[in-house]
Protein backbone atom coordinates (compact mmCIF):
# COMPACT_ATOMS: atom_id res chain seq x y z
CA UNK A 1 -3.31 -38.96 -9.57
CA UNK A 2 -2.42 -40.50 -12.92
CA UNK A 3 0.88 -39.31 -14.29
CA UNK A 4 0.68 -38.33 -17.96
CA UNK A 5 3.14 -35.52 -18.63
CA UNK A 6 5.84 -35.86 -15.95
CA UNK A 7 5.46 -32.15 -15.08
CA UNK A 8 4.19 -30.43 -11.94
CA UNK A 9 3.63 -26.69 -11.84
CA UNK A 10 5.03 -25.39 -8.57
CA UNK A 11 4.12 -21.73 -8.51
CA UNK A 12 0.44 -21.14 -9.18
CA UNK A 13 -1.97 -18.97 -7.18
CA UNK A 14 -5.55 -19.08 -5.99
CA UNK A 15 -6.27 -15.54 -4.85
CA UNK A 16 -9.10 -13.92 -2.93
CA UNK A 17 -10.56 -12.30 -6.05
CA UNK A 18 -11.26 -15.76 -7.54
CA UNK A 19 -12.65 -17.60 -4.52
CA UNK A 20 -16.16 -19.10 -4.50
CA UNK A 21 -18.70 -16.57 -3.28
CA UNK A 22 -20.08 -19.04 -0.73
CA UNK A 23 -16.71 -20.20 0.62
CA UNK A 24 -17.19 -18.57 4.00
CA UNK A 25 -20.97 -18.20 4.14
CA UNK A 26 -21.23 -22.02 4.04
CA UNK A 27 -18.47 -22.73 6.54
CA UNK A 28 -18.29 -20.00 9.20
CA UNK A 29 -20.09 -20.37 12.54
CA UNK A 30 -23.40 -18.51 12.61
CA UNK A 31 -22.17 -15.94 15.13
CA UNK A 32 -19.39 -14.84 12.72
CA UNK A 33 -21.46 -14.57 9.56
CA UNK A 34 -22.47 -10.93 9.99
CA UNK A 35 -18.87 -9.68 9.84
CA UNK A 36 -17.56 -12.56 7.76
CA UNK A 37 -16.37 -12.29 4.14
CA UNK A 38 -19.00 -12.07 1.44
CA UNK A 39 -19.47 -10.61 -2.02
CA UNK A 40 -21.71 -7.55 -2.47
CA UNK A 41 -22.83 -6.00 -5.73
CA UNK A 42 -23.18 -2.25 -6.16
CA UNK A 43 -25.85 -0.37 -8.17
CA UNK A 44 -23.53 -0.28 -11.17
CA UNK A 45 -22.97 -4.05 -11.07
CA UNK A 46 -19.50 -3.82 -9.54
CA UNK A 47 -18.81 -6.77 -7.25
CA UNK A 48 -16.57 -6.53 -4.20
CA UNK A 49 -15.44 -8.73 -1.35
CA UNK A 50 -16.22 -7.14 2.03
CA UNK A 51 -15.24 -8.23 5.53
CA UNK A 52 -16.07 -6.64 8.88
CA UNK A 53 -18.06 -4.01 6.98
CA UNK A 54 -15.03 -2.91 4.92
CA UNK A 55 -14.08 -3.42 1.29
CA UNK A 56 -11.59 -6.28 1.17
CA UNK A 57 -10.91 -6.85 -2.52
CA UNK A 58 -12.33 -6.62 -6.00
CA UNK A 59 -13.71 -9.67 -7.82
CA UNK A 60 -11.80 -11.14 -10.73
CA UNK A 61 -8.84 -9.61 -12.54
CA UNK A 62 -11.00 -6.77 -13.81
CA UNK A 63 -12.07 -6.02 -10.25
CA UNK A 64 -8.47 -5.38 -9.21
CA UNK A 65 -7.60 -3.32 -12.28
CA UNK A 66 -5.89 -5.99 -14.36
CA UNK A 67 -8.62 -7.06 -16.77
CA UNK A 68 -6.56 -7.03 -20.01
CA UNK A 69 -3.30 -8.21 -18.38
CA UNK A 70 -3.74 -11.75 -17.09
CA UNK A 71 -3.14 -15.31 -18.20
CA UNK A 72 -6.75 -15.99 -19.18
CA UNK A 73 -7.02 -12.99 -21.48
CA UNK A 74 -3.74 -13.96 -23.14
CA UNK A 75 -4.98 -17.53 -23.61
CA UNK A 76 -8.36 -16.42 -24.94
CA UNK A 77 -10.24 -18.23 -22.16
CA UNK A 78 -13.09 -16.91 -20.00
CA UNK A 79 -11.85 -16.15 -16.49
CA UNK A 80 -15.39 -16.67 -15.17
CA UNK A 81 -16.90 -19.43 -17.35
CA UNK A 82 -20.02 -19.57 -15.19
CA UNK A 83 -21.56 -16.78 -13.06
CA UNK A 84 -19.59 -16.69 -9.81
CA UNK A 85 -17.33 -19.59 -10.83
CA UNK A 86 -13.70 -18.73 -11.60
CA UNK A 87 -11.30 -21.09 -13.35
CA UNK A 88 -8.54 -20.46 -10.82
CA UNK A 89 -10.56 -21.77 -7.87
CA UNK A 90 -12.56 -24.59 -9.45
CA UNK A 91 -11.20 -28.13 -9.58
CA UNK A 92 -12.92 -29.05 -12.87
CA UNK A 93 -11.77 -26.00 -14.81
CA UNK A 94 -8.32 -25.97 -13.24
CA UNK A 95 -7.74 -29.61 -14.17
CA UNK A 96 -8.88 -28.87 -17.73
CA UNK A 97 -6.34 -26.04 -17.88
CA UNK A 98 -3.64 -28.40 -16.59
CA UNK A 99 -4.43 -30.82 -19.39
CA UNK A 100 -4.23 -27.96 -21.88
CA UNK A 101 -0.84 -26.90 -20.52
CA UNK A 102 0.58 -30.43 -20.27
CA UNK A 103 0.76 -30.44 -16.46
CA UNK A 104 -0.01 -33.38 -14.16
CA UNK A 105 -0.66 -31.36 -11.02
CA UNK A 106 -0.30 -27.91 -9.54
CA UNK A 107 1.10 -26.83 -6.20
CA UNK A 108 -0.95 -23.66 -5.74
CA UNK A 109 -0.43 -20.83 -3.25
CA UNK A 110 -3.57 -20.42 -1.18
CA UNK A 111 -5.16 -16.99 -0.59
CA UNK A 112 -2.82 -15.79 2.14
CA UNK A 113 -2.23 -12.15 1.15
CA UNK A 114 -5.40 -10.65 2.65
CA UNK A 115 -5.70 -12.63 5.88
CA UNK A 116 -3.88 -10.03 7.99
CA UNK A 117 -6.56 -7.44 7.14
CA UNK A 118 -9.12 -9.32 9.27
CA UNK A 119 -8.94 -7.60 12.65
CA UNK A 120 -11.06 -9.88 14.82
CA UNK A 121 -8.79 -12.77 15.89
CA UNK A 122 -11.66 -15.25 16.19
CA UNK A 123 -12.95 -14.38 12.73
CA UNK A 124 -9.46 -14.45 11.24
CA UNK A 125 -8.74 -17.94 12.60
CA UNK A 126 -12.13 -19.23 11.47
CA UNK A 127 -11.65 -17.83 7.96
CA UNK A 128 -8.27 -19.52 7.57
CA UNK A 129 -9.68 -22.81 8.84
CA UNK A 130 -12.46 -22.58 6.26
CA UNK A 131 -9.97 -21.98 3.43
CA UNK A 132 -7.82 -24.93 4.44
CA UNK A 133 -10.81 -27.25 4.86
CA UNK A 134 -11.91 -26.23 1.36
CA UNK A 135 -8.38 -26.92 0.07
CA UNK A 136 -8.66 -30.48 1.32
CA UNK A 137 -11.96 -30.84 -0.57
CA UNK A 138 -10.34 -29.52 -3.76
CA UNK A 139 -7.53 -32.03 -3.44
CA UNK A 140 -10.01 -34.91 -3.24
CA UNK A 141 -12.25 -33.53 -5.98
CA UNK A 142 -9.31 -33.15 -8.38
CA UNK A 143 -7.92 -36.62 -7.63
CA UNK A 144 -4.79 -35.12 -6.11
CA UNK A 145 -4.02 -32.69 -8.95
CA UNK A 146 -5.04 -29.42 -7.26
CA UNK A 147 -2.65 -29.20 -4.29
CA UNK A 148 -2.92 -26.01 -2.28
CA UNK A 149 -0.20 -24.57 -0.06
CA UNK A 150 -2.12 -23.85 3.13
CA UNK A 151 -2.13 -20.31 4.55
CA UNK A 152 -1.58 -19.61 8.22
CA UNK A 153 -3.02 -16.78 10.33
CA UNK A 154 0.20 -14.96 11.19
CA UNK A 155 -0.76 -12.17 13.58
CA UNK A 156 0.17 -14.18 16.68
CA UNK A 157 2.39 -17.26 17.10
CA UNK A 158 -0.36 -19.10 18.95
CA UNK A 159 -2.84 -18.94 16.08
CA UNK A 160 -0.19 -19.79 13.48
CA UNK A 161 1.15 -22.80 15.39
CA UNK A 162 -2.34 -24.10 16.18
CA UNK A 163 -3.41 -24.04 12.52
CA UNK A 164 -0.14 -25.60 11.38
CA UNK A 165 -0.64 -28.51 13.76
CA UNK A 166 -4.27 -28.88 12.66
CA UNK A 167 -3.57 -29.04 8.92
CA UNK A 168 -0.66 -31.44 9.46
CA UNK A 169 -3.29 -34.06 10.27
CA UNK A 170 -4.78 -33.66 6.76
CA UNK A 171 -1.96 -35.78 5.37
CA UNK A 172 -1.74 -33.73 2.17
CA UNK A 173 1.55 -33.55 0.18
CA UNK A 174 1.89 -29.82 0.77
CA UNK A 175 3.30 -27.12 3.04
CA UNK A 176 2.14 -23.95 4.78
CA UNK A 177 2.52 -20.31 3.80
CA UNK A 178 3.84 -17.89 6.40
CA UNK A 179 2.87 -14.30 5.56
CA UNK A 180 6.22 -12.77 6.51
CA UNK A 181 5.38 -9.38 5.01
CA UNK A 182 2.24 -8.73 7.07
CA UNK A 183 3.38 -10.51 10.24
CA UNK A 184 3.80 -8.11 13.20
CA UNK A 185 7.47 -9.08 13.72
CA UNK A 186 10.18 -10.41 11.35
CA UNK A 187 10.80 -14.14 11.12
CA UNK A 188 13.97 -13.96 13.21
CA UNK A 189 12.02 -12.62 16.21
CA UNK A 190 11.85 -15.07 19.10
CA UNK A 191 8.06 -14.79 19.29
CA UNK A 192 7.81 -17.21 16.33
CA UNK A 193 9.67 -20.04 18.05
CA UNK A 194 6.46 -22.05 18.67
CA UNK A 195 5.71 -21.92 14.92
CA UNK A 196 9.14 -23.23 13.92
CA UNK A 197 8.87 -25.92 16.61
CA UNK A 198 5.51 -27.03 15.22
CA UNK A 199 6.90 -27.07 11.68
CA UNK A 200 9.86 -29.16 12.78
CA UNK A 201 7.64 -31.60 14.65
CA UNK A 202 5.22 -32.12 11.75
CA UNK A 203 7.69 -31.94 8.85
CA UNK A 204 5.53 -29.43 6.94
CA UNK A 205 7.73 -27.03 4.91
CA UNK A 206 7.25 -23.34 5.73
CA UNK A 207 6.93 -21.27 2.55
CA UNK A 208 7.95 -17.61 2.29
CA UNK A 209 6.56 -16.23 -0.94
CA UNK A 210 8.52 -13.46 -2.64
CA UNK A 211 6.95 -10.04 -2.21
CA UNK A 212 8.39 -6.70 -3.37
CA UNK A 213 6.76 -5.07 -0.34
CA UNK A 214 8.90 -7.11 2.06
CA UNK A 215 12.28 -6.26 3.56
CA UNK A 216 13.47 -3.48 5.80
CA UNK A 217 14.04 -0.83 3.13
CA UNK A 218 12.18 -0.61 -0.15
CA UNK A 219 14.39 0.49 -3.01
CA UNK A 220 13.06 3.61 -4.71
CA UNK A 221 10.11 4.06 -2.34
CA UNK A 222 9.64 7.58 -1.04
CA UNK A 223 12.14 9.17 -3.42
CA UNK A 224 10.42 12.29 -4.74
CA UNK A 225 12.55 12.60 -7.87
CA UNK A 226 11.85 9.07 -9.14
CA UNK A 227 8.97 8.42 -11.52
CA UNK A 228 6.32 6.02 -10.16
CA UNK A 229 6.97 3.46 -12.91
CA UNK A 230 10.71 3.62 -12.24
CA UNK A 231 10.07 3.03 -8.55
CA UNK A 232 7.91 0.02 -9.38
CA UNK A 233 10.59 -1.41 -11.66
CA UNK A 234 13.25 -0.94 -8.98
CA UNK A 235 11.17 -2.92 -6.51
CA UNK A 236 10.16 -5.73 -8.84
CA UNK A 237 13.59 -6.14 -10.45
CA UNK A 238 15.54 -6.18 -7.18
CA UNK A 239 13.39 -7.78 -4.52
CA UNK A 240 14.66 -11.35 -5.02
CA UNK A 241 18.22 -10.25 -4.29
CA UNK A 242 17.20 -7.66 -1.70
CA UNK A 243 14.19 -8.71 0.31
CA UNK A 244 14.59 -12.46 -0.19
CA UNK A 245 18.33 -12.32 0.45
CA UNK A 246 17.56 -10.45 3.66
CA UNK A 247 14.99 -13.08 4.59
CA UNK A 248 17.39 -15.94 3.92
CA UNK A 249 20.10 -14.24 5.95
CA UNK A 250 17.69 -13.78 8.84
CA UNK A 251 16.74 -17.45 8.88
CA UNK A 252 20.35 -18.65 8.65
CA UNK A 253 22.10 -16.29 11.04
CA UNK A 254 19.41 -16.26 13.71
CA UNK A 255 20.05 -19.96 14.30
CA UNK A 256 16.44 -21.10 13.76
CA UNK A 257 17.45 -24.31 12.01
CA UNK A 258 19.90 -25.25 14.74
CA UNK A 259 17.27 -24.88 17.44
CA UNK A 260 14.73 -26.83 15.36
CA UNK A 261 16.65 -29.48 13.37
CA UNK A 262 13.58 -30.75 11.53
CA UNK A 263 12.40 -27.41 10.16
CA UNK A 264 12.46 -26.73 6.41
CA UNK A 265 12.00 -23.34 4.76
CA UNK A 266 11.14 -22.57 1.14
CA UNK A 267 11.78 -19.26 -0.65
CA UNK A 268 9.19 -19.03 -3.40
CA UNK A 269 9.25 -17.21 -6.72
CA UNK A 270 12.64 -15.61 -6.11
CA UNK A 271 14.90 -17.40 -8.59
CA UNK A 272 18.19 -19.02 -7.66
CA UNK A 273 20.83 -17.09 -9.62
CA UNK A 274 21.63 -14.87 -6.63
CA UNK A 275 22.02 -17.78 -4.21
CA UNK A 276 25.65 -18.81 -4.98
CA UNK A 277 26.80 -15.23 -4.42
CA UNK A 278 24.98 -15.04 -1.11
CA UNK A 279 26.52 -18.34 -0.02
CA UNK A 280 29.91 -16.90 -0.86
CA UNK A 281 29.09 -13.89 1.32
CA UNK A 282 27.98 -16.20 4.10
CA UNK A 283 31.34 -17.95 3.89
CA UNK A 284 33.33 -14.75 3.86
CA UNK A 285 31.52 -12.84 6.59
CA UNK A 286 31.08 -15.78 8.91
CA UNK A 287 34.79 -16.54 8.77
CA UNK A 288 36.00 -12.94 8.75
CA UNK A 289 38.07 -11.80 11.69
CA UNK A 290 38.11 -14.96 13.79
CA UNK A 291 35.76 -16.14 16.58
CA UNK A 292 36.30 -13.11 18.84
CA UNK A 293 35.04 -10.52 16.37
CA UNK A 294 31.76 -11.97 15.12
CA UNK A 295 29.29 -9.50 13.68
CA UNK A 296 26.18 -11.67 13.61
CA UNK A 297 24.73 -13.21 16.74
CA UNK A 298 21.53 -15.26 17.03
CA UNK A 299 18.54 -13.76 18.81
CA UNK A 300 18.39 -16.83 20.99
CA UNK A 301 21.46 -18.78 22.05
CA UNK A 302 21.75 -22.17 20.42
CA UNK A 303 21.03 -25.16 22.58
CA UNK A 304 24.33 -26.44 23.99
CA UNK A 305 25.18 -29.91 25.32
CA UNK A 306 25.24 -30.26 29.10
CA UNK A 307 29.05 -30.15 29.02
CA UNK A 308 31.53 -28.78 26.48
CA UNK A 309 33.03 -31.28 24.03
CA UNK A 310 36.43 -32.73 24.77
CA UNK A 311 39.42 -31.79 22.69
CA UNK A 312 41.67 -34.36 21.01
CA UNK A 313 43.91 -34.61 24.07
CA UNK A 314 40.99 -35.36 26.39
CA UNK A 315 40.77 -31.94 28.04
CA UNK A 316 37.67 -29.79 27.84
CA UNK A 317 37.50 -26.63 25.75
CA UNK A 318 37.23 -23.26 27.42
CA UNK A 319 33.57 -22.76 28.50
CA UNK A 320 33.47 -19.20 27.16
CA UNK A 321 34.98 -20.30 23.85
CA UNK A 322 32.52 -23.20 23.59
CA UNK A 323 29.54 -20.91 24.14
CA UNK A 324 30.70 -18.76 21.24
CA UNK A 325 31.20 -21.78 19.02
CA UNK A 326 27.81 -23.21 20.00
CA UNK A 327 26.03 -19.99 19.08
CA UNK A 328 27.76 -19.50 15.77
CA UNK A 329 28.25 -23.10 14.75
CA UNK A 330 24.50 -23.19 14.08
CA UNK A 331 24.57 -20.68 11.27
CA UNK A 332 26.19 -22.64 8.43
CA UNK A 333 24.03 -25.71 8.96
CA UNK A 334 20.90 -23.59 8.45
CA UNK A 335 21.60 -23.04 4.76
CA UNK A 336 21.17 -26.75 4.04
CA UNK A 337 17.49 -26.62 4.96
CA UNK A 338 16.41 -23.76 2.70
CA UNK A 339 14.80 -24.66 -0.61
CA UNK A 340 14.09 -22.42 -3.59
CA UNK A 341 10.62 -23.12 -4.93
CA UNK A 342 7.79 -25.06 -3.20
CA UNK A 343 9.07 -28.28 -1.62
CA UNK A 344 6.90 -31.12 -0.41
CA UNK A 345 8.92 -34.33 -0.55
CA UNK A 346 10.39 -35.32 2.84
CA UNK A 347 13.94 -35.63 1.49
CA UNK A 348 13.92 -32.42 -0.52
CA UNK A 349 16.45 -29.86 0.72
CA UNK A 350 18.76 -27.40 -0.93
CA UNK A 351 22.36 -28.31 -0.23
CA UNK A 352 24.48 -25.65 1.36
CA UNK A 353 28.09 -25.92 2.46
CA UNK A 354 28.77 -28.79 4.82
CA UNK A 355 29.82 -28.17 8.44
CA UNK A 356 33.18 -29.75 7.66
CA UNK A 357 33.89 -27.13 5.04
CA UNK A 358 32.95 -24.33 7.43
CA UNK A 359 35.34 -25.78 10.00
CA UNK A 360 38.07 -25.87 7.35
CA UNK A 361 37.54 -22.21 6.51
CA UNK A 362 37.48 -21.25 10.18
CA UNK A 363 40.71 -23.11 10.92
CA UNK A 364 42.46 -21.51 7.96
CA UNK A 365 41.52 -18.09 9.26
CA UNK A 366 42.66 -18.87 12.81
CA UNK A 367 45.97 -20.36 11.63
CA UNK A 368 46.74 -17.33 9.47
CA UNK A 369 46.90 -19.37 6.27
CA UNK A 370 45.67 -17.83 3.06
CA UNK A 371 42.56 -19.39 1.60
CA UNK A 372 43.01 -21.31 -1.61
CA UNK A 373 39.31 -21.90 -2.29
CA UNK A 374 38.42 -21.75 -5.97
CA UNK A 375 35.30 -19.65 -5.67
CA UNK A 376 34.51 -19.87 -9.38
CA UNK A 377 34.43 -23.64 -9.10
CA UNK A 378 32.41 -23.41 -5.89
CA UNK A 379 29.88 -21.12 -7.53
CA UNK A 380 29.50 -23.42 -10.53
CA UNK A 381 29.07 -26.39 -8.21
CA UNK A 382 26.44 -24.55 -6.18
CA UNK A 383 24.57 -23.57 -9.35
CA UNK A 384 24.58 -27.19 -10.47
CA UNK A 385 23.25 -28.37 -7.13
CA UNK A 386 20.46 -25.81 -7.16
CA UNK A 387 19.53 -26.56 -10.77
CA UNK A 388 19.26 -30.22 -9.85
CA UNK A 389 17.34 -29.37 -6.69
CA UNK A 390 14.83 -27.13 -8.45
CA UNK A 391 14.05 -29.88 -10.93
CA UNK A 392 13.35 -32.34 -8.13
CA UNK A 393 11.95 -30.12 -5.39
CA UNK A 394 8.33 -31.24 -5.70
CA UNK A 395 7.21 -34.85 -5.81
CA UNK A 396 3.62 -35.87 -6.40
CA UNK A 397 2.05 -38.94 -4.81
CA UNK A 398 3.04 -42.10 -6.70
CA UNK A 399 5.07 -40.12 -9.21
CA UNK A 400 8.32 -41.66 -10.39
CA UNK A 401 9.72 -38.61 -12.11
CA UNK A 402 8.82 -34.97 -11.63
CA UNK A 403 10.07 -31.86 -13.36
CA UNK A 404 9.04 -28.39 -12.17
CA UNK A 405 7.87 -25.84 -14.71
CA UNK A 406 10.02 -23.13 -13.27
CA UNK A 407 13.69 -23.86 -13.67
CA UNK A 408 16.81 -21.86 -13.09
């Protein structure tokens, strides 16, 4: 990829409604073709994606009810410049649009949102494999400019881990998308341990894309007195702080990153302004009340050394006390491996509070001393770190300087 502009777009999409009509008919095994995805046209000319005999999606923005409200209409460009060929899923047209926008490359979210609707496990796995094989072709065809984040089938940990390990061999500068909203259990559930282990072993970042349908309680949903548009605004305006904050808390306090030191998570399209406040809450609640009154406990105990560490005078710590420290000592370190925006470079991590600082806070609480932390200064420092991180979170092959389109 030749660098011209010094800019990489890190939050594009390539959705089901724009995919090539022959994507699956060319790639699926013959025995799966009958129930596999394909486009059908009705008597009135309406085109629809169908899978397993059911309607799966419309075709194009107009097919999903957003004809006049999309980027192509606003730019005065044809969404479908050739019959059955959409700009969003074609390397030639997408690269031309990058040139028009002054962008060297795009890190594009693959079509992950509809995968969970495929009920047959064999068909679901085969469909995802076909998408990811096609993504590798796009990368080559675009000379490394069209970089797709690769979706995983997320209905079982076995299928997700197997596909993650397979695509790791592609050698692409990308990550994988975990569909946390449609997965059968939340990310903190122990069933997903094989997936996090595979991610840690391969170094592929695991992306959680923001979704207002995620989280345990949807703000405004089901309230009879609220107008539908007001409910929609409540969800869209608040989900980064609500659902994504809940997701980040789950990853940190469940101890996933302690059990899998090499794992990296990315929270996509959720902003960063809420992050310093949440870090402050992590500090406060983790330290509140001392080690014997912890509120949060990991689903799975953190891996402990064979013997407790020795204290400064050479004696061993209390076994029961060490077990508590081992379980909870994992939580603060987790925040240092969560990024905000797609991350692909091996050294790209968002910096949280260091373990030393957590120990300092814990000791102050245990000794009864009042904290003298300047939280305003801490918040400013955290904001600065995240601003710097978001500008450097994606690095293209052979690029010397990269700036993301989406900043703080």
